[in-house]
Amino acid sequence: MNSIRLEEPEWLLPFEFMQIGDSFFVPTLKPMEMLYIIDTRSKVAKVKVKAYTSSKDGRLGVRVWRVR
């Protein structure tokens, strides 16, 4: 049996353009990795966010809200 390796796209995370209460969804098959990336990149951008594993239109992903 051959295994298939799916590559994640490179995402641009719009933290600097978000207002408090705005959110975005990132579809991903690797939500734990995406949560880590979001945590790391939001700290670099000096933006406070909350992120949770979620689904949208039947797709697994991560929903991110700006909170501060």
PDB file of N, CA and C in Angstrom:
ATOM      1  N   MET A   1       0.842  -1.176   0.000  1.00  0.00           N
ATOM      2  CA  MET A   1       0.000   0.000   0.000  1.00  0.00           C
ATOM      3  C   MET A   1       0.888   1.241   0.000  1.00  0.00           C
ATOM      4  N   ASN A   2       0.636   2.143  -0.917  1.00  0.00           N
ATOM      5  CA  ASN A   2       1.387   3.399  -1.000  1.00  0.00           C
ATOM      6  C   ASN A   2       0.723   4.457  -0.151  1.00  0.00           C
ATOM      7  N   SER A   3       1.527   5.221   0.556  1.00  0.00           N
ATOM      8  CA  SER A   3       0.953   6.337   1.314  1.00  0.00           C
ATOM      9  C   SER A   3       1.066   7.603   0.479  1.00  0.00           C
ATOM     10  N   ILE A   4       0.094   8.461   0.648  1.00  0.00           N
ATOM     11  CA  ILE A   4       0.053   9.723  -0.079  1.00  0.00           C
ATOM     12  C   ILE A   4       0.383  10.837   0.897  1.00  0.00           C
ATOM     13  N   ARG A   5       1.339  11.670   0.554  1.00  0.00           N
ATOM     14  CA  ARG A   5       1.709  12.801   1.406  1.00  0.00           C
ATOM     15  C   ARG A   5       1.103  14.054   0.798  1.00  0.00           C
ATOM     16  N   LEU A   6       0.197  14.670   1.552  1.00  0.00           N
ATOM     17  CA  LEU A   6      -0.439  15.895   1.090  1.00  0.00           C
ATOM     18  C   LEU A   6       0.297  17.096   1.658  1.00  0.00           C
ATOM     19  N   GLU A   7       0.695  17.972   0.797  1.00  0.00           N
ATOM     20  CA  GLU A   7       1.395  19.180   1.217  1.00  0.00           C
ATOM     21  C   GLU A   7       0.382  20.272   1.555  1.00  0.00           C
ATOM     22  N   GLU A   8       0.649  20.985   2.631  1.00  0.00           N
ATOM     23  CA  GLU A   8      -0.169  22.137   3.000  1.00  0.00           C
ATOM     24  C   GLU A   8       0.265  23.320   2.142  1.00  0.00           C
ATOM     25  N   PRO A   9      -0.679  24.166   1.737  1.00  0.00           N
ATOM     26  CA  PRO A   9      -0.280  25.388   1.022  1.00  0.00           C
ATOM     27  C   PRO A   9       0.383  26.364   1.993  1.00  0.00           C
ATOM     28  N   GLU A  10       1.041  27.358   1.466  1.00  0.00           N
ATOM     29  CA  GLU A  10       1.609  28.405   2.309  1.00  0.00           C
ATOM     30  C   GLU A  10       0.521  29.455   2.522  1.00  0.00           C
ATOM     31  N   TRP A  11       0.165  29.691   3.763  1.00  0.00           N
ATOM     32  CA  TRP A  11      -0.933  30.598   4.087  1.00  0.00           C
ATOM     33  C   TRP A  11      -0.415  31.980   4.453  1.00  0.00           C
ATOM     34  N   LEU A  12      -1.127  33.009   4.011  1.00  0.00           N
ATOM     35  CA  LEU A  12      -0.885  34.381   4.438  1.00  0.00           C
ATOM     36  C   LEU A  12      -1.926  34.679   5.508  1.00  0.00           C
ATOM     37  N   LEU A  13      -1.489  34.979   6.702  1.00  0.00           N
ATOM     38  CA  LEU A  13      -2.402  35.204   7.821  1.00  0.00           C
ATOM     39  C   LEU A  13      -2.604  36.706   7.999  1.00  0.00           C
ATOM     40  N   PRO A  14      -3.857  37.190   7.900  1.00  0.00           N
ATOM     41  CA  PRO A  14      -4.135  38.630   7.826  1.00  0.00           C
ATOM     42  C   PRO A  14      -4.257  39.351   9.169  1.00  0.00           C
ATOM     43  N   PHE A  15      -3.422  39.030  10.144  1.00  0.00           N
ATOM     44  CA  PHE A  15      -3.582  39.591  11.485  1.00  0.00           C
ATOM     45  C   PHE A  15      -3.599  41.114  11.507  1.00  0.00           C
ATOM     46  N   GLU A  16      -2.688  41.759  10.774  1.00  0.00           N
ATOM     47  CA  GLU A  16      -2.560  43.208  10.815  1.00  0.00           C
ATOM     48  C   GLU A  16      -3.790  43.940  10.281  1.00  0.00           C
ATOM     49  N   PHE A  17      -4.567  43.278   9.460  1.00  0.00           N
ATOM     50  CA  PHE A  17      -5.730  43.912   8.837  1.00  0.00           C
ATOM     51  C   PHE A  17      -7.033  43.641   9.580  1.00  0.00           C
ATOM     52  N   MET A  18      -6.960  42.863  10.629  1.00  0.00           N
ATOM     53  CA  MET A  18      -8.178  42.446  11.337  1.00  0.00           C
ATOM     54  C   MET A  18      -8.567  43.450  12.426  1.00  0.00           C
ATOM     55  N   GLN A  19      -9.865  43.637  12.578  1.00  0.00           N
ATOM     56  CA  GLN A  19     -10.418  44.407  13.689  1.00  0.00           C
ATOM     57  C   GLN A  19     -10.780  43.416  14.793  1.00  0.00           C
ATOM     58  N   ILE A  20     -10.890  43.889  16.033  1.00  0.00           N
ATOM     59  CA  ILE A  20     -11.318  43.022  17.123  1.00  0.00           C
ATOM     60  C   ILE A  20     -12.688  42.437  16.786  1.00  0.00           C
ATOM     61  N   GLY A  21     -12.826  41.132  16.902  1.00  0.00           N
ATOM     62  CA  GLY A  21     -14.068  40.430  16.576  1.00  0.00           C
ATOM     63  C   GLY A  21     -14.065  39.789  15.196  1.00  0.00           C
ATOM     64  N   ASP A  22     -13.143  40.202  14.315  1.00  0.00           N
ATOM     65  CA  ASP A  22     -13.039  39.588  12.990  1.00  0.00           C
ATOM     66  C   ASP A  22     -12.507  38.165  13.124  1.00  0.00           C
ATOM     67  N   SER A  23     -12.869  37.311  12.170  1.00  0.00           N
ATOM     68  CA  SER A  23     -12.352  35.951  12.167  1.00  0.00           C
ATOM     69  C   SER A  23     -12.069  35.498  10.739  1.00  0.00           C
ATOM     70  N   PHE A  24     -11.282  34.437  10.656  1.00  0.00           N
ATOM     71  CA  PHE A  24     -11.055  33.791   9.365  1.00  0.00           C
ATOM     72  C   PHE A  24     -10.907  32.295   9.608  1.00  0.00           C
ATOM     73  N   PHE A  25     -11.111  31.523   8.551  1.00  0.00           N
ATOM     74  CA  PHE A  25     -11.046  30.066   8.605  1.00  0.00           C
ATOM     75  C   PHE A  25      -9.917  29.592   7.705  1.00  0.00           C
ATOM     76  N   VAL A  26      -9.096  28.683   8.216  1.00  0.00           N
ATOM     77  CA  VAL A  26      -8.013  28.089   7.432  1.00  0.00           C
ATOM     78  C   VAL A  26      -8.306  26.598   7.292  1.00  0.00           C
ATOM     79  N   PRO A  27      -8.652  26.126   6.090  1.00  0.00           N
ATOM     80  CA  PRO A  27      -8.852  24.684   5.916  1.00  0.00           C
ATOM     81  C   PRO A  27      -7.502  23.976   5.985  1.00  0.00           C
ATOM     82  N   THR A  28      -7.439  22.880   6.734  1.00  0.00           N
ATOM     83  CA  THR A  28      -6.183  22.142   6.870  1.00  0.00           C
ATOM     84  C   THR A  28      -6.458  20.719   7.333  1.00  0.00           C
ATOM     85  N   LEU A  29      -5.599  19.818   6.921  1.00  0.00           N
ATOM     86  CA  LEU A  29      -5.661  18.439   7.396  1.00  0.00           C
ATOM     87  C   LEU A  29      -4.775  18.251   8.618  1.00  0.00           C
ATOM     88  N   LYS A  30      -4.062  19.315   9.007  1.00  0.00           N
ATOM     89  CA  LYS A  30      -3.140  19.268  10.146  1.00  0.00           C
ATOM     90  C   LYS A  30      -3.472  20.410  11.115  1.00  0.00           C
ATOM     91  N   PRO A  31      -4.618  20.330  11.799  1.00  0.00           N
ATOM     92  CA  PRO A  31      -5.033  21.450  12.641  1.00  0.00           C
ATOM     93  C   PRO A  31      -4.078  21.750  13.798  1.00  0.00           C
ATOM     94  N   MET A  32      -3.431  20.743  14.371  1.00  0.00           N
ATOM     95  CA  MET A  32      -2.513  21.011  15.479  1.00  0.00           C
ATOM     96  C   MET A  32      -1.298  21.816  15.009  1.00  0.00           C
ATOM     97  N   GLU A  33      -0.778  21.487  13.840  1.00  0.00           N
ATOM     98  CA  GLU A  33       0.329  22.255  13.279  1.00  0.00           C
ATOM     99  C   GLU A  33      -0.113  23.687  12.981  1.00  0.00           C
ATOM    100  N   MET A  34      -1.321  23.842  12.443  1.00  0.00           N
ATOM    101  CA  MET A  34      -1.824  25.176  12.107  1.00  0.00           C
ATOM    102  C   MET A  34      -2.040  26.007  13.366  1.00  0.00           C
ATOM    103  N   LEU A  35      -2.538  25.391  14.441  1.00  0.00           N
ATOM    104  CA  LEU A  35      -2.711  26.119  15.695  1.00  0.00           C
ATOM    105  C   LEU A  35      -1.363  26.637  16.198  1.00  0.00           C
ATOM    106  N   TYR A  36      -0.328  25.836  16.086  1.00  0.00           N
ATOM    107  CA  TYR A  36       1.009  26.267  16.496  1.00  0.00           C
ATOM    108  C   TYR A  36       1.491  27.438  15.636  1.00  0.00           C
ATOM    109  N   ILE A  37       1.316  27.334  14.335  1.00  0.00           N
ATOM    110  CA  ILE A  37       1.733  28.402  13.420  1.00  0.00           C
ATOM    111  C   ILE A  37       0.981  29.691  13.736  1.00  0.00           C
ATOM    112  N   ILE A  38      -0.324  29.594  13.942  1.00  0.00           N
ATOM    113  CA  ILE A  38      -1.137  30.773  14.249  1.00  0.00           C
ATOM    114  C   ILE A  38      -0.674  31.408  15.558  1.00  0.00           C
ATOM    115  N   ASP A  39      -0.422  30.599  16.572  1.00  0.00           N
ATOM    116  CA  ASP A  39       0.050  31.120  17.855  1.00  0.00           C
ATOM    117  C   ASP A  39       1.375  31.860  17.677  1.00  0.00           C
ATOM    118  N   THR A  40       2.298  31.247  16.969  1.00  0.00           N
ATOM    119  CA  THR A  40       3.614  31.832  16.756  1.00  0.00           C
ATOM    120  C   THR A  40       3.538  33.129  15.950  1.00  0.00           C
ATOM    121  N   ARG A  41       2.820  33.104  14.847  1.00  0.00           N
ATOM    122  CA  ARG A  41       2.758  34.273  13.959  1.00  0.00           C
ATOM    123  C   ARG A  41       1.963  35.424  14.574  1.00  0.00           C
ATOM    124  N   SER A  42       0.941  35.132  15.360  1.00  0.00           N
ATOM    125  CA  SER A  42       0.184  36.208  15.999  1.00  0.00           C
ATOM    126  C   SER A  42       1.043  36.928  17.038  1.00  0.00           C
ATOM    127  N   LYS A  43       1.919  36.210  17.711  1.00  0.00           N
ATOM    128  CA  LYS A  43       2.838  36.850  18.674  1.00  0.00           C
ATOM    129  C   LYS A  43       3.816  37.767  17.954  1.00  0.00           C
ATOM    130  N   VAL A  44       4.313  37.341  16.817  1.00  0.00           N
ATOM    131  CA  VAL A  44       5.219  38.178  16.022  1.00  0.00           C
ATOM    132  C   VAL A  44       4.494  39.452  15.583  1.00  0.00           C
ATOM    133  N   ALA A  45       3.209  39.306  15.198  1.00  0.00           N
ATOM    134  CA  ALA A  45       2.407  40.455  14.750  1.00  0.00           C
ATOM    135  C   ALA A  45       1.883  41.288  15.921  1.00  0.00           C
ATOM    136  N   LYS A  46       2.124  40.828  17.162  1.00  0.00           N
ATOM    137  CA  LYS A  46       1.656  41.506  18.383  1.00  0.00           C
ATOM    138  C   LYS A  46       0.141  41.680  18.391  1.00  0.00           C
ATOM    139  N   VAL A  47      -0.543  40.594  18.008  1.00  0.00           N
ATOM    140  CA  VAL A  47      -2.010  40.565  17.948  1.00  0.00           C
ATOM    141  C   VAL A  47      -2.479  39.405  18.819  1.00  0.00           C
ATOM    142  N   LYS A  48      -3.511  39.636  19.615  1.00  0.00           N
ATOM    143  CA  LYS A  48      -4.073  38.581  20.483  1.00  0.00           C
ATOM    144  C   LYS A  48      -5.206  37.907  19.720  1.00  0.00           C
ATOM    145  N   VAL A  49      -5.118  36.577  19.575  1.00  0.00           N
ATOM    146  CA  VAL A  49      -6.147  35.814  18.869  1.00  0.00           C
ATOM    147  C   VAL A  49      -6.547  34.601  19.695  1.00  0.00           C
ATOM    148  N   LYS A  50      -7.704  34.061  19.381  1.00  0.00           N
ATOM    149  CA  LYS A  50      -8.168  32.766  19.880  1.00  0.00           C
ATOM    150  C   LYS A  50      -8.371  31.904  18.647  1.00  0.00           C
ATOM    151  N   ALA A  51      -7.906  30.665  18.708  1.00  0.00           N
ATOM    152  CA  ALA A  51      -8.021  29.769  17.560  1.00  0.00           C
ATOM    153  C   ALA A  51      -8.472  28.395  18.031  1.00  0.00           C
ATOM    154  N   TYR A  52      -9.389  27.807  17.283  1.00  0.00           N
ATOM    155  CA  TYR A  52      -9.956  26.503  17.636  1.00  0.00           C
ATOM    156  C   TYR A  52     -10.090  25.643  16.382  1.00  0.00           C
ATOM    157  N   THR A  53      -9.900  24.346  16.560  1.00  0.00           N
ATOM    158  CA  THR A  53     -10.197  23.409  15.475  1.00  0.00           C
ATOM    159  C   THR A  53     -11.683  23.477  15.196  1.00  0.00           C
ATOM    160  N   SER A  54     -12.036  23.511  13.926  1.00  0.00           N
ATOM    161  CA  SER A  54     -13.426  23.711  13.529  1.00  0.00           C
ATOM    162  C   SER A  54     -13.648  23.053  12.172  1.00  0.00           C
ATOM    163  N   SER A  55     -14.860  23.171  11.669  1.00  0.00           N
ATOM    164  CA  SER A  55     -15.139  22.735  10.301  1.00  0.00           C
ATOM    165  C   SER A  55     -16.043  23.760   9.635  1.00  0.00           C
ATOM    166  N   LYS A  56     -15.927  23.842   8.336  1.00  0.00           N
ATOM    167  CA  LYS A  56     -16.750  24.753   7.540  1.00  0.00           C
ATOM    168  C   LYS A  56     -17.017  24.066   6.213  1.00  0.00           C
ATOM    169  N   ASP A  57     -18.277  24.009   5.836  1.00  0.00           N
ATOM    170  CA  ASP A  57     -18.679  23.368   4.579  1.00  0.00           C
ATOM    171  C   ASP A  57     -18.105  21.949   4.470  1.00  0.00           C
ATOM    172  N   GLY A  58     -18.069  21.239   5.590  1.00  0.00           N
ATOM    173  CA  GLY A  58     -17.595  19.863   5.599  1.00  0.00           C
ATOM    174  C   GLY A  58     -16.086  19.721   5.570  1.00  0.00           C
ATOM    175  N   ARG A  59     -15.341  20.822   5.727  1.00  0.00           N
ATOM    176  CA  ARG A  59     -13.878  20.765   5.681  1.00  0.00           C
ATOM    177  C   ARG A  59     -13.294  21.029   7.060  1.00  0.00           C
ATOM    178  N   LEU A  60     -12.341  20.218   7.448  1.00  0.00           N
ATOM    179  CA  LEU A  60     -11.635  20.395   8.707  1.00  0.00           C
ATOM    180  C   LEU A  60     -10.718  21.603   8.595  1.00  0.00           C
ATOM    181  N   GLY A  61     -10.575  22.338   9.687  1.00  0.00           N
ATOM    182  CA  GLY A  61      -9.681  23.479   9.666  1.00  0.00           C
ATOM    183  C   GLY A  61      -9.591  24.147  11.019  1.00  0.00           C
ATOM    184  N   VAL A  62      -9.159  25.398  10.996  1.00  0.00           N
ATOM    185  CA  VAL A  62      -8.984  26.189  12.199  1.00  0.00           C
ATOM    186  C   VAL A  62      -9.677  27.536  11.996  1.00  0.00           C
ATOM    187  N   ARG A  63     -10.492  27.931  12.976  1.00  0.00           N
ATOM    188  CA  ARG A  63     -11.150  29.242  12.975  1.00  0.00           C
ATOM    189  C   ARG A  63     -10.362  30.131  13.928  1.00  0.00           C
ATOM    190  N   VAL A  64     -10.021  31.353  13.474  1.00  0.00           N
ATOM    191  CA  VAL A  64      -9.222  32.287  14.253  1.00  0.00           C
ATOM    192  C   VAL A  64      -9.990  33.598  14.431  1.00  0.00           C
ATOM    193  N   TRP A  65     -10.088  34.063  15.677  1.00  0.00           N
ATOM    194  CA  TRP A  65     -10.733  35.348  15.999  1.00  0.00           C
ATOM    195  C   TRP A  65      -9.687  36.286  16.576  1.00  0.00           C
ATOM    196  N   ARG A  66      -9.749  37.558  16.192  1.00  0.00           N
ATOM    197  CA  ARG A  66      -8.920  38.557  16.858  1.00  0.00           C
ATOM    198  C   ARG A  66      -9.667  39.004  18.096  1.00  0.00           C
ATOM    199  N   VAL A  67      -8.999  38.984  19.250  1.00  0.00           N
ATOM    200  CA  VAL A  67      -9.643  39.376  20.503  1.00  0.00           C
ATOM    201  C   VAL A  67      -9.048  40.650  21.095  1.00  0.00           C
ATOM    202  N   ARG A  68      -7.850  41.033  20.692  1.00  0.00           N
ATOM    203  CA  ARG A  68      -7.233  42.289  21.135  1.00  0.00           C
ATOM    204  C   ARG A  68      -6.272  42.779  20.106  1.00  0.00           C
TER     205      ARG A  68
END
